[in-house]
Amino acid sequence: VAYGTDLDALLPRLAAAVAAVPRVLAAPAPGVQLAGFGADGLDLAVLFWIGDPENGQGNVRSDVNLALLRTLNAAGVEIPFPQRVVHQAQ
């Protein structure tokens, strides 16, 4: 997320969004942590458990990512992307 984002307000909302995904276990509870300070924004880590990995992990990962994206969009949180300046020699 962008630098300047209110993480104290955002992290609990993201954790709740993950907890609402049907295959995500309630215990241990999902968590969201500040993982680092990136060149373009704050890096977050989302942690959660599922009880049925034999049913696939990609589909639940997608459901979690969609829930996170909806929450970020609803909160008006910017997802930064790398911006580089390219100069052409003339």
Protein backbone atom coordinates (compact mmCIF):
# COMPACT_ATOMS: atom_id res chain seq x y z
CA VAL A 1 0.00 0.00 0.00
CA ALA A 2 1.07 3.60 -0.41
CA TYR A 3 3.22 5.34 2.16
CA GLY A 4 0.96 7.46 4.35
CA THR A 5 -1.75 4.79 4.57
CA ASP A 6 -3.29 4.57 8.06
CA LEU A 7 -2.25 1.01 8.88
CA ASP A 8 -3.83 1.10 12.34
CA ALA A 9 -7.21 1.48 10.67
CA LEU A 10 -6.53 -0.69 7.63
CA LEU A 11 -4.94 -3.86 9.01
CA PRO A 12 -7.97 -4.94 11.09
CA ARG A 13 -10.25 -4.37 8.09
CA LEU A 14 -8.04 -6.51 5.88
CA ALA A 15 -7.88 -9.29 8.50
CA ALA A 16 -11.69 -9.23 8.77
CA ALA A 17 -12.01 -9.46 4.99
CA VAL A 18 -9.75 -12.53 4.94
CA ALA A 19 -11.66 -14.10 7.84
CA ALA A 20 -14.89 -13.78 5.83
CA VAL A 21 -13.56 -16.01 3.02
CA PRO A 22 -15.38 -19.35 3.46
CA ARG A 23 -12.38 -21.72 3.39
CA VAL A 24 -10.21 -19.62 5.72
CA LEU A 25 -10.08 -21.06 9.24
CA ALA A 26 -11.21 -18.94 12.19
CA ALA A 27 -8.52 -20.44 14.43
CA PRO A 28 -5.80 -19.57 14.15
CA ALA A 29 -7.21 -16.24 13.10
CA PRO A 30 -5.97 -14.58 9.91
CA GLY A 31 -3.49 -11.78 10.34
CA VAL A 32 -2.01 -8.93 8.38
CA GLN A 33 1.46 -7.63 9.19
CA LEU A 34 3.73 -4.84 8.01
CA ALA A 35 6.40 -6.90 6.27
CA GLY A 36 8.69 -4.15 5.05
CA PHE A 37 9.32 -0.76 3.55
CA GLY A 38 9.48 -1.11 -0.23
CA ALA A 39 10.81 1.29 -2.80
CA ASP A 40 7.28 2.12 -3.94
CA GLY A 41 5.14 1.46 -0.87
CA LEU A 42 4.58 -0.44 2.35
CA ASP A 43 4.76 -4.23 1.98
CA LEU A 44 2.08 -6.19 3.82
CA ALA A 45 1.98 -9.92 4.57
CA VAL A 46 -1.35 -11.73 4.85
CA LEU A 47 -1.35 -14.89 6.93
CA PHE A 48 -4.17 -17.44 7.04
CA TRP A 49 -4.81 -21.15 7.35
CA ILE A 50 -7.12 -23.47 5.45
CA GLY A 51 -8.26 -26.90 6.59
CA ASP A 52 -8.56 -28.54 3.19
CA PRO A 53 -5.45 -27.96 1.07
CA GLU A 54 -6.32 -31.10 -0.90
CA ASN A 55 -9.09 -29.01 -2.52
CA GLY A 56 -6.51 -26.66 -3.99
CA GLN A 57 -4.80 -23.54 -2.82
CA GLY A 58 -4.97 -21.31 -5.88
CA ASN A 59 -8.71 -20.84 -5.71
CA VAL A 60 -8.72 -19.81 -2.04
CA ARG A 61 -5.71 -17.55 -2.64
CA SER A 62 -7.70 -15.85 -5.41
CA ASP A 63 -10.74 -15.47 -3.12
CA VAL A 64 -8.54 -13.91 -0.43
CA ASN A 65 -6.89 -11.56 -2.93
CA LEU A 66 -10.27 -10.46 -4.27
CA ALA A 67 -11.53 -9.81 -0.72
CA LEU A 68 -8.41 -7.76 -0.01
CA LEU A 69 -8.77 -5.78 -3.24
CA ARG A 70 -12.43 -5.01 -2.53
CA THR A 71 -11.52 -3.81 0.96
CA LEU A 72 -8.67 -1.63 -0.32
CA ASN A 73 -10.90 -0.13 -3.02
CA ALA A 74 -13.73 0.54 -0.54
CA ALA A 75 -11.29 2.27 1.80
CA GLY A 76 -9.81 4.34 -1.03
CA VAL A 77 -6.34 2.92 -0.40
CA GLU A 78 -3.87 3.37 -3.22
CA ILE A 79 -1.91 0.37 -4.42
CA PRO A 80 1.36 1.86 -5.65
CA PHE A 81 3.15 0.61 -8.71
CA PRO A 82 6.72 1.17 -9.80
CA GLN A 83 7.19 4.35 -11.75
CA ARG A 84 10.42 4.81 -13.59
CA VAL A 85 11.60 7.65 -15.78
CA VAL A 86 13.17 6.63 -19.06
CA HIS A 87 15.34 9.16 -20.89
CA GLN A 88 16.14 8.66 -24.54
CA ALA A 89 19.47 9.82 -25.88
CA GLN A 90 19.05 12.17 -28.83
